[in-house]
Amino acid sequence: MKIIKNSIGKKEAATIRETLIQSQFPWYYNEGKVYTKAKHKYDFQFCHTFYTEFSIRSPQFFYLLNPILEVLKPDALQRIKANLNPVTDKTQVFDYHTDHDIKKNFKTAIYYVNTNNGYTLFPNGKKITSEENKLVVFDSQTKHCGTTCTDKENRIVINFNYI
């Protein structure tokens, strides 16, 4: 596992954050966070798919990701998706999972768009806090889960799956 704090420039990080929180940014409701129907009232999120199935799905916003892609230096992309979880009164921990039918030799990277008290958790107990402009990279076969936050309006991350 590799953790990169201040992974891109402050200006680029602010541009990503400000773009994703503007009212015109297209977020789409997803019932159930981990490929299942919702299990409880907080088991949902809003998503924006930038890239999947070998094509750019969000041409008007894909440019935002260039600074992160320069850090990751992927040989090939599988999927890039942003997730927004609204604030909850108590931290909600979601199910452990691996990302989107990932095969061996793939990597997952999580870019934290905003700072909040949510986190990413791994079965070994490792907890990665949500700090703006942090990037965590790990083998895509590694199970992990996300949470909501209780101290900000939302928790936003961008997931990268790549070789």
N, C-alpha and C. Protein backbone atom coordinates (compact mmCIF):
# COMPACT_ATOMS: atom_id res chain seq x y z
N MET A 1 0.85 -1.18 0.00
CA MET A 1 0.00 0.00 0.00
C MET A 1 0.89 1.24 0.00
N LYS A 2 0.52 2.20 -0.80
CA LYS A 2 1.27 3.44 -0.89
C LYS A 2 0.33 4.61 -0.62
N ILE A 3 0.74 5.50 0.28
CA ILE A 3 -0.06 6.68 0.61
C ILE A 3 0.74 7.91 0.19
N ILE A 4 0.11 8.78 -0.61
CA ILE A 4 0.77 9.99 -1.09
C ILE A 4 -0.05 11.20 -0.63
N LYS A 5 0.47 11.91 0.35
CA LYS A 5 -0.18 13.15 0.79
C LYS A 5 0.23 14.26 -0.16
N ASN A 6 -0.64 15.27 -0.34
CA ASN A 6 -0.37 16.37 -1.26
C ASN A 6 0.06 15.82 -2.62
N SER A 7 -0.76 14.90 -3.14
CA SER A 7 -0.40 14.15 -4.33
C SER A 7 -0.33 14.99 -5.60
N ILE A 8 -1.10 16.06 -5.67
CA ILE A 8 -1.06 16.97 -6.81
C ILE A 8 -0.95 18.39 -6.27
N GLY A 9 -0.79 19.35 -7.15
CA GLY A 9 -0.67 20.74 -6.71
C GLY A 9 -1.93 21.25 -6.02
N LYS A 10 -1.74 22.23 -5.13
CA LYS A 10 -2.89 22.79 -4.37
C LYS A 10 -3.94 23.38 -5.30
N LYS A 11 -3.49 24.06 -6.35
CA LYS A 11 -4.43 24.68 -7.29
C LYS A 11 -5.26 23.61 -8.00
N GLU A 12 -4.61 22.54 -8.46
CA GLU A 12 -5.32 21.45 -9.15
C GLU A 12 -6.29 20.75 -8.20
N ALA A 13 -5.87 20.53 -6.96
CA ALA A 13 -6.75 19.89 -5.97
C ALA A 13 -7.97 20.76 -5.70
N ALA A 14 -7.76 22.06 -5.58
CA ALA A 14 -8.89 22.98 -5.35
C ALA A 14 -9.84 22.99 -6.55
N THR A 15 -9.30 22.92 -7.76
CA THR A 15 -10.14 22.90 -8.95
C THR A 15 -11.00 21.65 -8.98
N ILE A 16 -10.42 20.50 -8.65
CA ILE A 16 -11.20 19.27 -8.59
C ILE A 16 -12.31 19.39 -7.56
N ARG A 17 -11.95 19.82 -6.34
CA ARG A 17 -12.94 19.95 -5.26
C ARG A 17 -14.07 20.91 -5.66
N GLU A 18 -13.71 22.08 -6.13
CA GLU A 18 -14.71 23.09 -6.47
C GLU A 18 -15.61 22.65 -7.62
N THR A 19 -15.06 21.93 -8.57
CA THR A 19 -15.87 21.44 -9.69
C THR A 19 -16.86 20.39 -9.22
N LEU A 20 -16.42 19.47 -8.37
CA LEU A 20 -17.30 18.39 -7.94
C LEU A 20 -18.38 18.84 -6.96
N ILE A 21 -18.21 19.98 -6.31
CA ILE A 21 -19.26 20.45 -5.39
C ILE A 21 -20.18 21.50 -6.00
N GLN A 22 -19.89 21.93 -7.23
CA GLN A 22 -20.77 22.93 -7.84
C GLN A 22 -22.14 22.32 -8.15
N SER A 23 -23.17 23.13 -8.15
CA SER A 23 -24.53 22.62 -8.33
C SER A 23 -24.77 22.05 -9.72
N GLN A 24 -23.97 22.41 -10.71
CA GLN A 24 -24.17 21.90 -12.06
C GLN A 24 -23.43 20.58 -12.32
N PHE A 25 -22.64 20.10 -11.36
CA PHE A 25 -21.92 18.85 -11.60
C PHE A 25 -22.91 17.69 -11.56
N PRO A 26 -22.89 16.79 -12.56
CA PRO A 26 -23.88 15.70 -12.63
C PRO A 26 -23.54 14.50 -11.76
N TRP A 27 -24.24 14.39 -10.64
CA TRP A 27 -24.14 13.23 -9.76
C TRP A 27 -25.36 12.36 -9.99
N TYR A 28 -25.18 11.04 -9.93
CA TYR A 28 -26.26 10.10 -10.20
C TYR A 28 -26.45 9.18 -9.00
N TYR A 29 -27.71 9.02 -8.62
CA TYR A 29 -28.07 8.22 -7.45
C TYR A 29 -27.84 6.73 -7.72
N ASN A 30 -27.19 6.05 -6.77
CA ASN A 30 -26.99 4.61 -6.81
C ASN A 30 -27.52 3.99 -5.53
N GLU A 31 -28.52 3.13 -5.66
CA GLU A 31 -29.03 2.41 -4.50
C GLU A 31 -28.10 1.25 -4.20
N GLY A 32 -27.67 1.13 -2.97
CA GLY A 32 -26.72 0.10 -2.59
C GLY A 32 -25.33 0.47 -3.04
N LYS A 33 -24.38 0.47 -2.13
CA LYS A 33 -23.02 0.91 -2.45
C LYS A 33 -22.17 -0.17 -3.10
N VAL A 34 -22.41 -1.43 -2.76
CA VAL A 34 -21.51 -2.50 -3.19
C VAL A 34 -22.28 -3.55 -3.98
N TYR A 35 -22.72 -3.21 -5.17
CA TYR A 35 -23.34 -4.15 -6.12
C TYR A 35 -24.55 -4.89 -5.56
N THR A 36 -25.20 -4.36 -4.59
CA THR A 36 -26.39 -5.01 -4.04
C THR A 36 -27.46 -3.96 -3.82
N LYS A 37 -28.65 -4.43 -3.56
CA LYS A 37 -29.72 -3.51 -3.18
C LYS A 37 -29.40 -2.94 -1.80
N ALA A 38 -29.93 -1.78 -1.51
CA ALA A 38 -29.68 -1.14 -0.22
C ALA A 38 -30.09 -2.06 0.92
N LYS A 39 -29.22 -2.10 1.95
CA LYS A 39 -29.49 -2.94 3.12
C LYS A 39 -30.06 -2.12 4.27
N HIS A 40 -29.86 -0.81 4.23
CA HIS A 40 -30.41 0.08 5.24
C HIS A 40 -30.55 1.46 4.63
N LYS A 41 -31.15 2.37 5.35
CA LYS A 41 -31.49 3.67 4.76
C LYS A 41 -30.29 4.51 4.33
N TYR A 42 -29.11 4.23 4.83
CA TYR A 42 -27.93 4.99 4.44
C TYR A 42 -27.11 4.30 3.35
N ASP A 43 -27.58 3.15 2.88
CA ASP A 43 -26.82 2.36 1.92
C ASP A 43 -27.10 2.85 0.49
N PHE A 44 -26.59 4.03 0.18
CA PHE A 44 -26.70 4.62 -1.15
C PHE A 44 -25.57 5.63 -1.29
N GLN A 45 -25.35 6.04 -2.52
CA GLN A 45 -24.37 7.09 -2.77
C GLN A 45 -24.70 7.74 -4.10
N PHE A 46 -24.06 8.84 -4.37
CA PHE A 46 -24.16 9.50 -5.66
C PHE A 46 -22.84 9.29 -6.38
N CYS A 47 -22.91 8.96 -7.67
CA CYS A 47 -21.70 8.61 -8.43
C CYS A 47 -21.61 9.43 -9.71
N HIS A 48 -20.40 9.53 -10.19
CA HIS A 48 -20.14 10.11 -11.50
C HIS A 48 -19.04 9.27 -12.14
N THR A 49 -19.36 8.63 -13.25
CA THR A 49 -18.39 7.79 -13.94
C THR A 49 -17.66 8.62 -14.98
N PHE A 50 -16.35 8.74 -14.80
CA PHE A 50 -15.52 9.47 -15.75
C PHE A 50 -15.08 8.57 -16.90
N TYR A 51 -14.80 7.30 -16.57
CA TYR A 51 -14.24 6.38 -17.56
C TYR A 51 -14.65 4.96 -17.22
N THR A 52 -15.10 4.21 -18.22
CA THR A 52 -15.39 2.79 -18.03
C THR A 52 -15.45 2.11 -19.39
N GLU A 53 -15.18 0.82 -19.39
CA GLU A 53 -15.27 0.01 -20.61
C GLU A 53 -14.51 0.63 -21.78
N PHE A 54 -13.29 1.04 -21.51
CA PHE A 54 -12.37 1.55 -22.51
C PHE A 54 -12.81 2.84 -23.19
N SER A 55 -13.61 3.63 -22.50
CA SER A 55 -13.98 4.91 -23.10
C SER A 55 -14.27 5.97 -22.04
N ILE A 56 -14.02 7.20 -22.44
CA ILE A 56 -14.33 8.34 -21.58
C ILE A 56 -15.83 8.53 -21.58
N ARG A 57 -16.43 8.58 -20.40
CA ARG A 57 -17.87 8.74 -20.26
C ARG A 57 -18.25 10.16 -19.85
N SER A 58 -17.27 10.95 -19.52
CA SER A 58 -17.53 12.31 -19.04
C SER A 58 -16.54 13.27 -19.71
N PRO A 59 -16.67 13.48 -21.02
CA PRO A 59 -15.66 14.29 -21.73
C PRO A 59 -15.54 15.72 -21.21
N GLN A 60 -16.64 16.29 -20.73
CA GLN A 60 -16.57 17.67 -20.25
C GLN A 60 -15.83 17.81 -18.92
N PHE A 61 -15.61 16.70 -18.19
CA PHE A 61 -14.93 16.77 -16.89
C PHE A 61 -13.68 15.90 -16.80
N PHE A 62 -13.41 15.07 -17.79
CA PHE A 62 -12.28 14.15 -17.73
C PHE A 62 -10.95 14.89 -17.55
N TYR A 63 -10.83 16.08 -18.12
CA TYR A 63 -9.59 16.88 -18.02
C TYR A 63 -9.17 17.11 -16.57
N LEU A 64 -10.12 17.14 -15.66
CA LEU A 64 -9.82 17.36 -14.24
C LEU A 64 -8.85 16.32 -13.69
N LEU A 65 -8.88 15.13 -14.24
CA LEU A 65 -8.13 14.00 -13.70
C LEU A 65 -6.68 13.95 -14.16
N ASN A 66 -6.31 14.76 -15.14
CA ASN A 66 -4.95 14.70 -15.68
C ASN A 66 -3.86 14.80 -14.62
N PRO A 67 -3.95 15.71 -13.65
CA PRO A 67 -2.88 15.77 -12.63
C PRO A 67 -2.75 14.46 -11.84
N ILE A 68 -3.86 13.80 -11.54
CA ILE A 68 -3.81 12.54 -10.80
C ILE A 68 -3.26 11.43 -11.69
N LEU A 69 -3.68 11.41 -12.94
CA LEU A 69 -3.18 10.39 -13.87
C LEU A 69 -1.68 10.54 -14.09
N GLU A 70 -1.17 11.76 -14.04
CA GLU A 70 0.28 11.97 -14.16
C GLU A 70 1.03 11.35 -12.98
N VAL A 71 0.41 11.34 -11.82
CA VAL A 71 1.02 10.70 -10.64
C VAL A 71 0.95 9.18 -10.76
N LEU A 72 -0.22 8.66 -11.16
CA LEU A 72 -0.43 7.21 -11.23
C LEU A 72 0.30 6.56 -12.40
N LYS A 73 0.42 7.26 -13.51
CA LYS A 73 1.07 6.73 -14.72
C LYS A 73 0.53 5.35 -15.12
N PRO A 74 -0.79 5.25 -15.35
CA PRO A 74 -1.35 3.94 -15.70
C PRO A 74 -0.96 3.52 -17.11
N ASP A 75 -0.79 2.21 -17.29
CA ASP A 75 -0.60 1.66 -18.64
C ASP A 75 -1.94 1.54 -19.34
N ALA A 76 -2.97 1.21 -18.57
CA ALA A 76 -4.33 1.09 -19.11
C ALA A 76 -5.32 1.38 -18.00
N LEU A 77 -6.42 2.02 -18.35
CA LEU A 77 -7.49 2.32 -17.40
C LEU A 77 -8.59 1.28 -17.52
N GLN A 78 -9.21 0.98 -16.40
CA GLN A 78 -10.38 0.09 -16.41
C GLN A 78 -11.63 0.89 -16.05
N ARG A 79 -11.52 1.70 -14.98
CA ARG A 79 -12.66 2.52 -14.57
C ARG A 79 -12.16 3.66 -13.69
N ILE A 80 -12.84 4.81 -13.82
CA ILE A 80 -12.63 5.93 -12.91
C ILE A 80 -14.02 6.43 -12.52
N LYS A 81 -14.28 6.47 -11.22
CA LYS A 81 -15.61 6.83 -10.73
C LYS A 81 -15.49 7.65 -9.46
N ALA A 82 -16.23 8.74 -9.40
CA ALA A 82 -16.31 9.55 -8.18
C ALA A 82 -17.52 9.10 -7.37
N ASN A 83 -17.37 9.09 -6.05
CA ASN A 83 -18.45 8.74 -5.13
C ASN A 83 -18.66 9.89 -4.15
N LEU A 84 -19.91 10.25 -3.94
CA LEU A 84 -20.29 11.26 -2.96
C LEU A 84 -21.23 10.62 -1.97
N ASN A 85 -20.85 10.64 -0.70
CA ASN A 85 -21.70 10.16 0.39
C ASN A 85 -22.12 11.34 1.24
N PRO A 86 -23.43 11.60 1.35
CA PRO A 86 -23.90 12.71 2.19
C PRO A 86 -23.61 12.47 3.67
N VAL A 87 -23.57 13.54 4.42
CA VAL A 87 -23.35 13.50 5.86
C VAL A 87 -24.42 12.63 6.53
N THR A 88 -24.04 11.95 7.61
CA THR A 88 -24.97 11.20 8.44
C THR A 88 -24.73 11.58 9.90
N ASP A 89 -25.72 11.33 10.76
CA ASP A 89 -25.58 11.64 12.19
C ASP A 89 -24.53 10.78 12.87
N LYS A 90 -24.47 9.51 12.47
CA LYS A 90 -23.46 8.57 12.98
C LYS A 90 -22.70 8.02 11.78
N THR A 91 -21.42 7.75 11.96
CA THR A 91 -20.62 7.19 10.86
C THR A 91 -21.19 5.85 10.44
N GLN A 92 -21.48 5.71 9.16
CA GLN A 92 -21.96 4.46 8.59
C GLN A 92 -20.79 3.78 7.89
N VAL A 93 -20.52 2.54 8.27
CA VAL A 93 -19.45 1.75 7.64
C VAL A 93 -20.12 0.79 6.68
N PHE A 94 -19.68 0.79 5.43
CA PHE A 94 -20.29 -0.04 4.40
C PHE A 94 -19.55 -1.37 4.27
N ASP A 95 -20.03 -2.24 3.40
CA ASP A 95 -19.48 -3.60 3.25
C ASP A 95 -18.09 -3.59 2.63
N TYR A 96 -17.28 -4.55 3.05
CA TYR A 96 -15.98 -4.77 2.40
C TYR A 96 -16.23 -5.29 0.98
N HIS A 97 -15.35 -4.88 0.08
CA HIS A 97 -15.48 -5.27 -1.31
C HIS A 97 -14.15 -5.08 -2.04
N THR A 98 -14.07 -5.62 -3.24
CA THR A 98 -13.02 -5.26 -4.19
C THR A 98 -13.74 -4.55 -5.32
N ASP A 99 -13.02 -3.79 -6.10
CA ASP A 99 -13.67 -2.94 -7.11
C ASP A 99 -13.96 -3.66 -8.42
N HIS A 100 -15.19 -3.65 -8.83
CA HIS A 100 -15.68 -3.87 -10.19
C HIS A 100 -14.98 -4.97 -10.98
N ASP A 101 -15.14 -6.21 -10.56
CA ASP A 101 -14.60 -7.36 -11.30
C ASP A 101 -13.14 -7.20 -11.70
N ILE A 102 -12.35 -6.74 -10.79
CA ILE A 102 -10.95 -6.47 -11.08
C ILE A 102 -10.16 -7.78 -11.14
N LYS A 103 -9.29 -7.87 -12.10
CA LYS A 103 -8.43 -9.03 -12.27
C LYS A 103 -7.09 -8.79 -11.58
N LYS A 104 -6.27 -9.83 -11.53
CA LYS A 104 -4.93 -9.71 -10.96
C LYS A 104 -4.13 -8.67 -11.75
N ASN A 105 -3.14 -8.12 -11.11
CA ASN A 105 -2.24 -7.11 -11.67
C ASN A 105 -2.87 -5.73 -11.80
N PHE A 106 -4.12 -5.57 -11.40
CA PHE A 106 -4.74 -4.26 -11.41
C PHE A 106 -4.46 -3.56 -10.08
N LYS A 107 -4.49 -2.24 -10.13
CA LYS A 107 -4.33 -1.41 -8.95
C LYS A 107 -5.62 -0.62 -8.73
N THR A 108 -5.88 -0.30 -7.50
CA THR A 108 -6.94 0.63 -7.14
C THR A 108 -6.27 1.82 -6.47
N ALA A 109 -6.69 3.01 -6.86
CA ALA A 109 -6.22 4.22 -6.20
C ALA A 109 -7.46 4.99 -5.76
N ILE A 110 -7.41 5.52 -4.56
CA ILE A 110 -8.49 6.36 -4.05
C ILE A 110 -7.92 7.74 -3.83
N TYR A 111 -8.52 8.72 -4.48
CA TYR A 111 -8.14 10.13 -4.31
C TYR A 111 -9.20 10.78 -3.43
N TYR A 112 -8.77 11.40 -2.34
CA TYR A 112 -9.69 12.03 -1.40
C TYR A 112 -9.88 13.49 -1.79
N VAL A 113 -11.09 13.84 -2.19
CA VAL A 113 -11.40 15.17 -2.72
C VAL A 113 -11.53 16.19 -1.61
N ASN A 114 -12.10 15.79 -0.47
CA ASN A 114 -12.28 16.74 0.62
C ASN A 114 -11.89 16.11 1.97
N THR A 115 -11.55 16.97 2.89
CA THR A 115 -11.18 16.53 4.24
C THR A 115 -12.45 16.41 5.08
N ASN A 116 -12.57 15.28 5.78
CA ASN A 116 -13.71 15.04 6.66
C ASN A 116 -13.34 13.88 7.59
N ASN A 117 -14.25 13.51 8.50
CA ASN A 117 -13.92 12.44 9.44
C ASN A 117 -14.33 11.05 8.95
N GLY A 118 -14.66 10.92 7.67
CA GLY A 118 -14.87 9.61 7.07
C GLY A 118 -13.53 8.96 6.79
N TYR A 119 -13.56 7.70 6.36
CA TYR A 119 -12.31 6.99 6.14
C TYR A 119 -12.53 5.77 5.25
N THR A 120 -11.42 5.18 4.82
CA THR A 120 -11.40 3.90 4.13
C THR A 120 -10.80 2.91 5.10
N LEU A 121 -11.42 1.74 5.22
CA LEU A 121 -11.00 0.74 6.19
C LEU A 121 -10.63 -0.55 5.46
N PHE A 122 -9.59 -1.22 5.95
CA PHE A 122 -9.14 -2.49 5.40
C PHE A 122 -9.32 -3.57 6.46
N PRO A 123 -9.52 -4.84 6.06
CA PRO A 123 -9.77 -5.92 7.04
C PRO A 123 -8.67 -6.08 8.08
N ASN A 124 -7.45 -5.66 7.78
CA ASN A 124 -6.36 -5.78 8.76
C ASN A 124 -6.40 -4.67 9.81
N GLY A 125 -7.43 -3.81 9.73
CA GLY A 125 -7.58 -2.72 10.69
C GLY A 125 -6.98 -1.40 10.24
N LYS A 126 -6.25 -1.38 9.14
CA LYS A 126 -5.66 -0.14 8.62
C LYS A 126 -6.77 0.81 8.23
N LYS A 127 -6.67 2.05 8.70
CA LYS A 127 -7.68 3.07 8.43
C LYS A 127 -7.00 4.25 7.74
N ILE A 128 -7.51 4.63 6.57
CA ILE A 128 -7.00 5.76 5.83
C ILE A 128 -8.00 6.90 5.98
N THR A 129 -7.58 7.97 6.62
CA THR A 129 -8.47 9.10 6.86
C THR A 129 -8.68 9.90 5.57
N SER A 130 -9.83 10.55 5.50
CA SER A 130 -10.16 11.37 4.34
C SER A 130 -9.54 12.75 4.49
N GLU A 131 -8.42 12.95 3.78
CA GLU A 131 -7.73 14.24 3.78
C GLU A 131 -7.62 14.71 2.34
N GLU A 132 -8.08 15.93 2.09
CA GLU A 132 -8.03 16.46 0.74
C GLU A 132 -6.65 16.29 0.12
N ASN A 133 -6.64 15.84 -1.13
CA ASN A 133 -5.43 15.71 -1.94
C ASN A 133 -4.53 14.55 -1.51
N LYS A 134 -5.09 13.59 -0.78
CA LYS A 134 -4.35 12.37 -0.45
C LYS A 134 -4.73 11.31 -1.48
N LEU A 135 -3.76 10.48 -1.81
CA LEU A 135 -3.97 9.39 -2.75
C LEU A 135 -3.45 8.12 -2.10
N VAL A 136 -4.26 7.08 -2.08
CA VAL A 136 -3.81 5.78 -1.57
C VAL A 136 -3.91 4.78 -2.72
N VAL A 137 -2.86 3.99 -2.89
CA VAL A 137 -2.79 3.03 -3.99
C VAL A 137 -2.57 1.64 -3.40
N PHE A 138 -3.32 0.66 -3.88
CA PHE A 138 -3.18 -0.71 -3.38
C PHE A 138 -3.61 -1.71 -4.44
N ASP A 139 -3.28 -2.95 -4.23
CA ASP A 139 -3.66 -4.02 -5.14
C ASP A 139 -5.18 -4.15 -5.18
N SER A 140 -5.74 -4.27 -6.36
CA SER A 140 -7.20 -4.30 -6.50
C SER A 140 -7.86 -5.54 -5.91
N GLN A 141 -7.09 -6.54 -5.58
CA GLN A 141 -7.63 -7.73 -4.92
C GLN A 141 -7.82 -7.50 -3.42
N THR A 142 -7.36 -6.37 -2.92
CA THR A 142 -7.45 -6.05 -1.49
C THR A 142 -8.84 -5.54 -1.14
N LYS A 143 -9.49 -6.22 -0.21
CA LYS A 143 -10.81 -5.77 0.23
C LYS A 143 -10.67 -4.48 1.03
N HIS A 144 -11.68 -3.64 0.90
CA HIS A 144 -11.72 -2.36 1.60
C HIS A 144 -13.18 -1.90 1.70
N CYS A 145 -13.42 -0.93 2.54
CA CYS A 145 -14.76 -0.35 2.61
C CYS A 145 -14.64 1.13 2.94
N GLY A 146 -15.68 1.84 2.62
CA GLY A 146 -15.74 3.27 2.92
C GLY A 146 -16.79 3.56 3.96
N THR A 147 -16.83 4.81 4.36
CA THR A 147 -17.79 5.26 5.38
C THR A 147 -18.41 6.58 4.95
N THR A 148 -19.38 6.99 5.72
CA THR A 148 -19.89 8.35 5.62
C THR A 148 -19.07 9.23 6.56
N CYS A 149 -19.37 10.50 6.56
CA CYS A 149 -18.75 11.41 7.53
C CYS A 149 -19.86 12.07 8.35
N THR A 150 -19.48 12.66 9.49
CA THR A 150 -20.46 13.33 10.35
C THR A 150 -20.14 14.81 10.56
N ASP A 151 -18.99 15.26 10.02
CA ASP A 151 -18.56 16.62 10.31
C ASP A 151 -18.60 17.59 9.13
N LYS A 152 -18.87 17.11 7.93
CA LYS A 152 -18.96 17.95 6.73
C LYS A 152 -20.23 17.59 5.99
N GLU A 153 -20.58 18.36 4.96
CA GLU A 153 -21.80 18.08 4.21
C GLU A 153 -21.73 16.76 3.45
N ASN A 154 -20.50 16.35 3.07
CA ASN A 154 -20.37 15.14 2.29
C ASN A 154 -18.93 14.63 2.35
N ARG A 155 -18.76 13.41 1.88
CA ARG A 155 -17.44 12.79 1.70
C ARG A 155 -17.34 12.43 0.23
N ILE A 156 -16.31 12.94 -0.44
CA ILE A 156 -16.14 12.69 -1.88
C ILE A 156 -14.77 12.05 -2.12
N VAL A 157 -14.78 10.95 -2.87
CA VAL A 157 -13.56 10.29 -3.29
C VAL A 157 -13.66 9.99 -4.79
N ILE A 158 -12.51 9.81 -5.42
CA ILE A 158 -12.47 9.34 -6.80
C ILE A 158 -11.69 8.04 -6.81
N ASN A 159 -12.31 6.98 -7.35
CA ASN A 159 -11.67 5.67 -7.43
C ASN A 159 -11.12 5.46 -8.84
N PHE A 160 -9.88 5.01 -8.89
CA PHE A 160 -9.21 4.68 -10.14
C PHE A 160 -8.90 3.19 -10.13
N ASN A 161 -9.28 2.47 -11.18
CA ASN A 161 -8.91 1.07 -11.36
C ASN A 161 -8.11 1.00 -12.65
N TYR A 162 -6.89 0.44 -12.57
CA TYR A 162 -5.97 0.53 -13.71
C TYR A 162 -4.87 -0.52 -13.62
N ILE A 163 -4.16 -0.65 -14.72
CA ILE A 163 -2.95 -1.48 -14.76
C ILE A 163 -1.77 -0.51 -14.73
